[in-house]
Amino acid sequence: MSIDIPKEIRNRAISSIERYFQENMDEKIGNLAAGALLSYFLEEIGPVIYNQAVTDAQQRLAARVQELDFEVHEEEFQYWQKFDRKRK
């Protein structure tokens, strides 16, 4: 599964890479080279980040599912107990 990002986000990421090179490296990077570098990162490193995000989401969902019983649990057969309390 390839990781695609919207065109606007891709353009912003390319601009960010260009700025990073301008401010931190001894050379500039052109728009095409920055786009190629971004494509490389998305293909090579993107899945690592994506998979970790999925794992994190699964863990959070599992924790919420475990809490579900406590949050929405209702005791069974309570009618007569309520009835008897009203009679007293």
PDB file of N, CA and C in Angstrom:
ATOM      1  N   MET A   1       0.848  -1.167   0.000  1.00  0.00           N
ATOM      2  CA  MET A   1       0.000   0.000   0.000  1.00  0.00           C
ATOM      3  C   MET A   1       0.899   1.237   0.000  1.00  0.00           C
ATOM      4  N   SER A   2       0.725   2.070  -0.968  1.00  0.00           N
ATOM      5  CA  SER A   2       1.527   3.285  -1.012  1.00  0.00           C
ATOM      6  C   SER A   2       0.869   4.368  -0.161  1.00  0.00           C
ATOM      7  N   ILE A   3       1.702   5.239   0.361  1.00  0.00           N
ATOM      8  CA  ILE A   3       1.203   6.337   1.176  1.00  0.00           C
ATOM      9  C   ILE A   3       1.149   7.576   0.297  1.00  0.00           C
ATOM     10  N   ASP A   4      -0.048   8.038   0.061  1.00  0.00           N
ATOM     11  CA  ASP A   4      -0.258   9.236  -0.748  1.00  0.00           C
ATOM     12  C   ASP A   4      -0.697  10.367   0.156  1.00  0.00           C
ATOM     13  N   ILE A   5      -0.265  11.562  -0.198  1.00  0.00           N
ATOM     14  CA  ILE A   5      -0.696  12.732   0.546  1.00  0.00           C
ATOM     15  C   ILE A   5      -1.324  13.705  -0.443  1.00  0.00           C
ATOM     16  N   PRO A   6      -2.255  14.531   0.016  1.00  0.00           N
ATOM     17  CA  PRO A   6      -2.905  15.489  -0.881  1.00  0.00           C
ATOM     18  C   PRO A   6      -1.871  16.437  -1.514  1.00  0.00           C
ATOM     19  N   LYS A   7      -2.199  16.909  -2.704  1.00  0.00           N
ATOM     20  CA  LYS A   7      -1.285  17.750  -3.475  1.00  0.00           C
ATOM     21  C   LYS A   7      -0.855  18.988  -2.685  1.00  0.00           C
ATOM     22  N   GLU A   8      -1.791  19.639  -2.019  1.00  0.00           N
ATOM     23  CA  GLU A   8      -1.458  20.841  -1.250  1.00  0.00           C
ATOM     24  C   GLU A   8      -0.466  20.526  -0.141  1.00  0.00           C
ATOM     25  N   ILE A   9      -0.675  19.411   0.547  1.00  0.00           N
ATOM     26  CA  ILE A   9       0.233  18.998   1.618  1.00  0.00           C
ATOM     27  C   ILE A   9       1.592  18.635   1.032  1.00  0.00           C
ATOM     28  N   ARG A  10       1.592  17.957  -0.113  1.00  0.00           N
ATOM     29  CA  ARG A  10       2.848  17.601  -0.774  1.00  0.00           C
ATOM     30  C   ARG A  10       3.641  18.859  -1.122  1.00  0.00           C
ATOM     31  N   ASN A  11       2.959  19.866  -1.671  1.00  0.00           N
ATOM     32  CA  ASN A  11       3.633  21.113  -2.024  1.00  0.00           C
ATOM     33  C   ASN A  11       4.214  21.804  -0.791  1.00  0.00           C
ATOM     34  N   ARG A  12       3.477  21.787   0.302  1.00  0.00           N
ATOM     35  CA  ARG A  12       3.982  22.396   1.537  1.00  0.00           C
ATOM     36  C   ARG A  12       5.187  21.629   2.067  1.00  0.00           C
ATOM     37  N   ALA A  13       5.150  20.310   1.963  1.00  0.00           N
ATOM     38  CA  ALA A  13       6.274  19.485   2.417  1.00  0.00           C
ATOM     39  C   ALA A  13       7.513  19.750   1.561  1.00  0.00           C
ATOM     40  N   ILE A  14       7.328  19.879   0.255  1.00  0.00           N
ATOM     41  CA  ILE A  14       8.445  20.177  -0.642  1.00  0.00           C
ATOM     42  C   ILE A  14       9.049  21.535  -0.288  1.00  0.00           C
ATOM     43  N   SER A  15       8.208  22.518  -0.050  1.00  0.00           N
ATOM     44  CA  SER A  15       8.701  23.839   0.355  1.00  0.00           C
ATOM     45  C   SER A  15       9.476  23.755   1.667  1.00  0.00           C
ATOM     46  N   SER A  16       9.004  22.945   2.575  1.00  0.00           N
ATOM     47  CA  SER A  16       9.679  22.778   3.857  1.00  0.00           C
ATOM     48  C   SER A  16      11.047  22.124   3.664  1.00  0.00           C
ATOM     49  N   ILE A  17      11.125  21.126   2.797  1.00  0.00           N
ATOM     50  CA  ILE A  17      12.410  20.473   2.514  1.00  0.00           C
ATOM     51  C   ILE A  17      13.374  21.479   1.885  1.00  0.00           C
ATOM     52  N   GLU A  18      12.886  22.273   0.946  1.00  0.00           N
ATOM     53  CA  GLU A  18      13.733  23.296   0.321  1.00  0.00           C
ATOM     54  C   GLU A  18      14.256  24.272   1.372  1.00  0.00           C
ATOM     55  N   ARG A  19      13.394  24.701   2.253  1.00  0.00           N
ATOM     56  CA  ARG A  19      13.814  25.642   3.297  1.00  0.00           C
ATOM     57  C   ARG A  19      14.823  24.996   4.229  1.00  0.00           C
ATOM     58  N   TYR A  20      14.587  23.728   4.588  1.00  0.00           N
ATOM     59  CA  TYR A  20      15.518  23.021   5.463  1.00  0.00           C
ATOM     60  C   TYR A  20      16.914  22.999   4.839  1.00  0.00           C
ATOM     61  N   PHE A  21      16.981  22.652   3.567  1.00  0.00           N
ATOM     62  CA  PHE A  21      18.277  22.617   2.883  1.00  0.00           C
ATOM     63  C   PHE A  21      18.903  24.009   2.841  1.00  0.00           C
ATOM     64  N   GLN A  22      18.087  25.001   2.602  1.00  0.00           N
ATOM     65  CA  GLN A  22      18.591  26.372   2.506  1.00  0.00           C
ATOM     66  C   GLN A  22      19.197  26.825   3.838  1.00  0.00           C
ATOM     67  N   GLU A  23      18.551  26.463   4.934  1.00  0.00           N
ATOM     68  CA  GLU A  23      18.989  26.952   6.238  1.00  0.00           C
ATOM     69  C   GLU A  23      19.987  26.039   6.948  1.00  0.00           C
ATOM     70  N   ASN A  24      20.054  24.764   6.590  1.00  0.00           N
ATOM     71  CA  ASN A  24      20.869  23.817   7.341  1.00  0.00           C
ATOM     72  C   ASN A  24      21.963  23.122   6.544  1.00  0.00           C
ATOM     73  N   MET A  25      21.928  23.217   5.244  1.00  0.00           N
ATOM     74  CA  MET A  25      22.922  22.536   4.420  1.00  0.00           C
ATOM     75  C   MET A  25      23.766  23.571   3.693  1.00  0.00           C
ATOM     76  N   ASP A  26      24.858  23.120   3.155  1.00  0.00           N
ATOM     77  CA  ASP A  26      25.743  24.019   2.426  1.00  0.00           C
ATOM     78  C   ASP A  26      25.288  24.244   0.991  1.00  0.00           C
ATOM     79  N   GLU A  27      24.210  23.607   0.596  1.00  0.00           N
ATOM     80  CA  GLU A  27      23.739  23.758  -0.779  1.00  0.00           C
ATOM     81  C   GLU A  27      22.218  23.844  -0.820  1.00  0.00           C
ATOM     82  N   LYS A  28      21.716  24.399  -1.879  1.00  0.00           N
ATOM     83  CA  LYS A  28      20.267  24.471  -2.081  1.00  0.00           C
ATOM     84  C   LYS A  28      19.798  23.180  -2.731  1.00  0.00           C
ATOM     85  N   ILE A  29      18.533  22.921  -2.582  1.00  0.00           N
ATOM     86  CA  ILE A  29      17.923  21.787  -3.260  1.00  0.00           C
ATOM     87  C   ILE A  29      16.789  22.346  -4.106  1.00  0.00           C
ATOM     88  N   GLY A  30      16.702  21.891  -5.324  1.00  0.00           N
ATOM     89  CA  GLY A  30      15.654  22.363  -6.216  1.00  0.00           C
ATOM     90  C   GLY A  30      14.324  21.708  -5.919  1.00  0.00           C
ATOM     91  N   ASN A  31      13.297  22.239  -6.539  1.00  0.00           N
ATOM     92  CA  ASN A  31      11.938  21.751  -6.347  1.00  0.00           C
ATOM     93  C   ASN A  31      11.805  20.284  -6.747  1.00  0.00           C
ATOM     94  N   LEU A  32      12.361  19.907  -7.886  1.00  0.00           N
ATOM     95  CA  LEU A  32      12.266  18.508  -8.349  1.00  0.00           C
ATOM     96  C   LEU A  32      13.015  17.570  -7.410  1.00  0.00           C
ATOM     97  N   ALA A  33      14.211  17.976  -6.991  1.00  0.00           N
ATOM     98  CA  ALA A  33      14.991  17.139  -6.077  1.00  0.00           C
ATOM     99  C   ALA A  33      14.283  17.010  -4.731  1.00  0.00           C
ATOM    100  N   ALA A  34      13.699  18.086  -4.254  1.00  0.00           N
ATOM    101  CA  ALA A  34      12.962  18.038  -2.989  1.00  0.00           C
ATOM    102  C   ALA A  34      11.749  17.118  -3.116  1.00  0.00           C
ATOM    103  N   GLY A  35      11.077  17.176  -4.263  1.00  0.00           N
ATOM    104  CA  GLY A  35       9.946  16.285  -4.495  1.00  0.00           C
ATOM    105  C   GLY A  35      10.371  14.827  -4.543  1.00  0.00           C
ATOM    106  N   ALA A  36      11.511  14.573  -5.171  1.00  0.00           N
ATOM    107  CA  ALA A  36      12.032  13.200  -5.233  1.00  0.00           C
ATOM    108  C   ALA A  36      12.411  12.709  -3.833  1.00  0.00           C
ATOM    109  N   LEU A  37      13.027  13.585  -3.049  1.00  0.00           N
ATOM    110  CA  LEU A  37      13.393  13.222  -1.679  1.00  0.00           C
ATOM    111  C   LEU A  37      12.146  12.918  -0.856  1.00  0.00           C
ATOM    112  N   LEU A  38      11.119  13.729  -1.022  1.00  0.00           N
ATOM    113  CA  LEU A  38       9.863  13.483  -0.316  1.00  0.00           C
ATOM    114  C   LEU A  38       9.266  12.142  -0.729  1.00  0.00           C
ATOM    115  N   SER A  39       9.275  11.852  -2.011  1.00  0.00           N
ATOM    116  CA  SER A  39       8.758  10.559  -2.494  1.00  0.00           C
ATOM    117  C   SER A  39       9.530   9.398  -1.875  1.00  0.00           C
ATOM    118  N   TYR A  40      10.846   9.552  -1.804  1.00  0.00           N
ATOM    119  CA  TYR A  40      11.681   8.525  -1.178  1.00  0.00           C
ATOM    120  C   TYR A  40      11.274   8.323   0.282  1.00  0.00           C
ATOM    121  N   PHE A  41      11.157   9.429   1.029  1.00  0.00           N
ATOM    122  CA  PHE A  41      10.776   9.323   2.439  1.00  0.00           C
ATOM    123  C   PHE A  41       9.411   8.659   2.593  1.00  0.00           C
ATOM    124  N   LEU A  42       8.469   9.048   1.749  1.00  0.00           N
ATOM    125  CA  LEU A  42       7.121   8.465   1.853  1.00  0.00           C
ATOM    126  C   LEU A  42       7.137   6.969   1.576  1.00  0.00           C
ATOM    127  N   GLU A  43       7.937   6.558   0.614  1.00  0.00           N
ATOM    128  CA  GLU A  43       7.977   5.135   0.251  1.00  0.00           C
ATOM    129  C   GLU A  43       8.823   4.320   1.221  1.00  0.00           C
ATOM    130  N   GLU A  44       9.940   4.865   1.634  1.00  0.00           N
ATOM    131  CA  GLU A  44      10.885   4.104   2.458  1.00  0.00           C
ATOM    132  C   GLU A  44      10.595   4.193   3.954  1.00  0.00           C
ATOM    133  N   ILE A  45      10.284   5.377   4.446  1.00  0.00           N
ATOM    134  CA  ILE A  45      10.129   5.590   5.878  1.00  0.00           C
ATOM    135  C   ILE A  45       8.660   5.760   6.276  1.00  0.00           C
ATOM    136  N   GLY A  46       7.854   6.224   5.351  1.00  0.00           N
ATOM    137  CA  GLY A  46       6.441   6.435   5.630  1.00  0.00           C
ATOM    138  C   GLY A  46       5.731   5.230   6.222  1.00  0.00           C
ATOM    139  N   PRO A  47       5.962   4.003   5.675  1.00  0.00           N
ATOM    140  CA  PRO A  47       5.278   2.844   6.238  1.00  0.00           C
ATOM    141  C   PRO A  47       5.618   2.576   7.705  1.00  0.00           C
ATOM    142  N   VAL A  48       6.830   2.905   8.120  1.00  0.00           N
ATOM    143  CA  VAL A  48       7.208   2.720   9.527  1.00  0.00           C
ATOM    144  C   VAL A  48       6.335   3.604  10.413  1.00  0.00           C
ATOM    145  N   ILE A  49       6.200   4.842  10.025  1.00  0.00           N
ATOM    146  CA  ILE A  49       5.391   5.795  10.796  1.00  0.00           C
ATOM    147  C   ILE A  49       3.915   5.398  10.747  1.00  0.00           C
ATOM    148  N   TYR A  50       3.455   5.025   9.553  1.00  0.00           N
ATOM    149  CA  TYR A  50       2.061   4.620   9.375  1.00  0.00           C
ATOM    150  C   TYR A  50       1.745   3.399  10.246  1.00  0.00           C
ATOM    151  N   ASN A  51       2.610   2.393  10.198  1.00  0.00           N
ATOM    152  CA  ASN A  51       2.376   1.174  10.974  1.00  0.00           C
ATOM    153  C   ASN A  51       2.377   1.453  12.467  1.00  0.00           C
ATOM    154  N   GLN A  52       3.260   2.347  12.922  1.00  0.00           N
ATOM    155  CA  GLN A  52       3.278   2.693  14.338  1.00  0.00           C
ATOM    156  C   GLN A  52       1.993   3.420  14.726  1.00  0.00           C
ATOM    157  N   ALA A  53       1.509   4.281  13.848  1.00  0.00           N
ATOM    158  CA  ALA A  53       0.254   4.991  14.117  1.00  0.00           C
ATOM    159  C   ALA A  53      -0.910   4.009  14.212  1.00  0.00           C
ATOM    160  N   VAL A  54      -0.934   3.006  13.341  1.00  0.00           N
ATOM    161  CA  VAL A  54      -1.992   1.992  13.385  1.00  0.00           C
ATOM    162  C   VAL A  54      -1.900   1.209  14.693  1.00  0.00           C
ATOM    163  N   THR A  55      -0.692   0.833  15.079  1.00  0.00           N
ATOM    164  CA  THR A  55      -0.500   0.104  16.339  1.00  0.00           C
ATOM    165  C   THR A  55      -0.967   0.942  17.525  1.00  0.00           C
ATOM    166  N   ASP A  56      -0.601   2.223  17.531  1.00  0.00           N
ATOM    167  CA  ASP A  56      -1.036   3.108  18.612  1.00  0.00           C
ATOM    168  C   ASP A  56      -2.563   3.210  18.658  1.00  0.00           C
ATOM    169  N   ALA A  57      -3.193   3.341  17.501  1.00  0.00           N
ATOM    170  CA  ALA A  57      -4.656   3.433  17.443  1.00  0.00           C
ATOM    171  C   ALA A  57      -5.293   2.134  17.933  1.00  0.00           C
ATOM    172  N   GLN A  58      -4.735   0.989  17.538  1.00  0.00           N
ATOM    173  CA  GLN A  58      -5.266  -0.296  17.985  1.00  0.00           C
ATOM    174  C   GLN A  58      -5.173  -0.425  19.506  1.00  0.00           C
ATOM    175  N   GLN A  59      -4.057  -0.007  20.076  1.00  0.00           N
ATOM    176  CA  GLN A  59      -3.891  -0.093  21.525  1.00  0.00           C
ATOM    177  C   GLN A  59      -4.882   0.805  22.252  1.00  0.00           C
ATOM    178  N   ARG A  60      -5.079   2.009  21.724  1.00  0.00           N
ATOM    179  CA  ARG A  60      -6.045   2.915  22.365  1.00  0.00           C
ATOM    180  C   ARG A  60      -7.458   2.368  22.259  1.00  0.00           C
ATOM    181  N   LEU A  61      -7.806   1.824  21.092  1.00  0.00           N
ATOM    182  CA  LEU A  61      -9.140   1.244  20.919  1.00  0.00           C
ATOM    183  C   LEU A  61      -9.327   0.040  21.829  1.00  0.00           C
ATOM    184  N   ALA A  62      -8.315  -0.803  21.940  1.00  0.00           N
ATOM    185  CA  ALA A  62      -8.410  -1.977  22.810  1.00  0.00           C
ATOM    186  C   ALA A  62      -8.632  -1.548  24.258  1.00  0.00           C
ATOM    187  N   ALA A  63      -7.930  -0.510  24.686  1.00  0.00           N
ATOM    188  CA  ALA A  63      -8.118  -0.015  26.057  1.00  0.00           C
ATOM    189  C   ALA A  63      -9.535   0.501  26.248  1.00  0.00           C
ATOM    190  N   ARG A  64     -10.054   1.215  25.261  1.00  0.00           N
ATOM    191  CA  ARG A  64     -11.428   1.737  25.364  1.00  0.00           C
ATOM    192  C   ARG A  64     -12.446   0.597  25.385  1.00  0.00           C
ATOM    193  N   VAL A  65     -12.215  -0.443  24.589  1.00  0.00           N
ATOM    194  CA  VAL A  65     -13.133  -1.582  24.561  1.00  0.00           C
ATOM    195  C   VAL A  65     -13.131  -2.278  25.918  1.00  0.00           C
ATOM    196  N   GLN A  66     -11.961  -2.389  26.547  1.00  0.00           N
ATOM    197  CA  GLN A  66     -11.899  -3.012  27.871  1.00  0.00           C
ATOM    198  C   GLN A  66     -12.662  -2.196  28.902  1.00  0.00           C
ATOM    199  N   GLU A  67     -12.687  -0.885  28.744  1.00  0.00           N
ATOM    200  CA  GLU A  67     -13.406  -0.018  29.676  1.00  0.00           C
ATOM    201  C   GLU A  67     -14.908  -0.012  29.415  1.00  0.00           C
ATOM    202  N   LEU A  68     -15.318  -0.459  28.254  1.00  0.00           N
ATOM    203  CA  LEU A  68     -16.716  -0.392  27.854  1.00  0.00           C
ATOM    204  C   LEU A  68     -17.630  -1.098  28.848  1.00  0.00           C
ATOM    205  N   ASP A  69     -17.220  -2.257  29.332  1.00  0.00           N
ATOM    206  CA  ASP A  69     -18.050  -3.006  30.273  1.00  0.00           C
ATOM    207  C   ASP A  69     -18.322  -2.192  31.532  1.00  0.00           C
ATOM    208  N   PHE A  70     -17.337  -1.465  32.011  1.00  0.00           N
ATOM    209  CA  PHE A  70     -17.518  -0.671  33.232  1.00  0.00           C
ATOM    210  C   PHE A  70     -18.379   0.559  32.974  1.00  0.00           C
ATOM    211  N   GLU A  71     -18.267   1.136  31.790  1.00  0.00           N
ATOM    212  CA  GLU A  71     -18.983   2.370  31.478  1.00  0.00           C
ATOM    213  C   GLU A  71     -20.470   2.150  31.211  1.00  0.00           C
ATOM    214  N   VAL A  72     -20.824   1.039  30.605  1.00  0.00           N
ATOM    215  CA  VAL A  72     -22.223   0.852  30.198  1.00  0.00           C
ATOM    216  C   VAL A  72     -22.874  -0.376  30.827  1.00  0.00           C
ATOM    217  N   HIS A  73     -22.218  -0.981  31.790  1.00  0.00           N
ATOM    218  CA  HIS A  73     -22.751  -2.191  32.419  1.00  0.00           C
ATOM    219  C   HIS A  73     -24.022  -1.872  33.207  1.00  0.00           C
ATOM    220  N   GLU A  74     -24.992  -2.725  33.059  1.00  0.00           N
ATOM    221  CA  GLU A  74     -26.236  -2.624  33.838  1.00  0.00           C
ATOM    222  C   GLU A  74     -26.454  -3.945  34.560  1.00  0.00           C
ATOM    223  N   GLU A  75     -26.814  -3.852  35.808  1.00  0.00           N
ATOM    224  CA  GLU A  75     -27.110  -5.057  36.566  1.00  0.00           C
ATOM    225  C   GLU A  75     -28.410  -5.673  36.046  1.00  0.00           C
ATOM    226  N   GLU A  76     -28.432  -6.993  36.028  1.00  0.00           N
ATOM    227  CA  GLU A  76     -29.624  -7.699  35.567  1.00  0.00           C
ATOM    228  C   GLU A  76     -30.606  -7.904  36.720  1.00  0.00           C
ATOM    229  N   PHE A  77     -31.828  -8.127  36.347  1.00  0.00           N
ATOM    230  CA  PHE A  77     -32.898  -8.493  37.275  1.00  0.00           C
ATOM    231  C   PHE A  77     -33.021  -7.510  38.441  1.00  0.00           C
ATOM    232  N   GLN A  78     -33.158  -6.275  38.132  1.00  0.00           N
ATOM    233  CA  GLN A  78     -33.240  -5.229  39.148  1.00  0.00           C
ATOM    234  C   GLN A  78     -34.674  -4.792  39.438  1.00  0.00           C
ATOM    235  N   TYR A  79     -35.611  -5.256  38.642  1.00  0.00           N
ATOM    236  CA  TYR A  79     -36.991  -4.798  38.810  1.00  0.00           C
ATOM    237  C   TYR A  79     -37.510  -5.026  40.226  1.00  0.00           C
ATOM    238  N   TRP A  80     -37.365  -6.251  40.732  1.00  0.00           N
ATOM    239  CA  TRP A  80     -37.941  -6.567  42.030  1.00  0.00           C
ATOM    240  C   TRP A  80     -37.209  -5.871  43.167  1.00  0.00           C
ATOM    241  N   GLN A  81     -35.925  -5.650  42.978  1.00  0.00           N
ATOM    242  CA  GLN A  81     -35.202  -4.909  44.013  1.00  0.00           C
ATOM    243  C   GLN A  81     -35.722  -3.471  44.082  1.00  0.00           C
ATOM    244  N   LYS A  82     -35.965  -2.872  42.945  1.00  0.00           N
ATOM    245  CA  LYS A  82     -36.516  -1.511  42.922  1.00  0.00           C
ATOM    246  C   LYS A  82     -37.934  -1.511  43.490  1.00  0.00           C
ATOM    247  N   PHE A  83     -38.691  -2.527  43.132  1.00  0.00           N
ATOM    248  CA  PHE A  83     -40.068  -2.644  43.608  1.00  0.00           C
ATOM    249  C   PHE A  83     -40.099  -2.758  45.127  1.00  0.00           C
ATOM    250  N   ASP A  84     -39.221  -3.611  45.658  1.00  0.00           N
ATOM    251  CA  ASP A  84     -39.181  -3.827  47.113  1.00  0.00           C
ATOM    252  C   ASP A  84     -38.727  -2.556  47.838  1.00  0.00           C
ATOM    253  N   ARG A  85     -37.822  -1.790  47.270  1.00  0.00           N
ATOM    254  CA  ARG A  85     -37.367  -0.550  47.885  1.00  0.00           C
ATOM    255  C   ARG A  85     -38.493   0.467  47.934  1.00  0.00           C
ATOM    256  N   LYS A  86     -39.311   0.516  46.909  1.00  0.00           N
ATOM    257  CA  LYS A  86     -40.428   1.455  46.885  1.00  0.00           C
ATOM    258  C   LYS A  86     -41.466   1.104  47.920  1.00  0.00           C
ATOM    259  N   ARG A  87     -41.634  -0.138  48.218  1.00  0.00           N
ATOM    260  CA  ARG A  87     -42.651  -0.590  49.168  1.00  0.00           C
ATOM    261  C   ARG A  87     -42.265  -0.273  50.605  1.00  0.00           C
ATOM    262  N   LYS A  88     -40.997  -0.119  50.875  1.00  0.00           N
ATOM    263  CA  LYS A  88     -40.538   0.099  52.267  1.00  0.00           C
ATOM    264  C   LYS A  88     -40.762   1.495  52.694  1.00  0.00           C
TER     265      LYS A  88
END
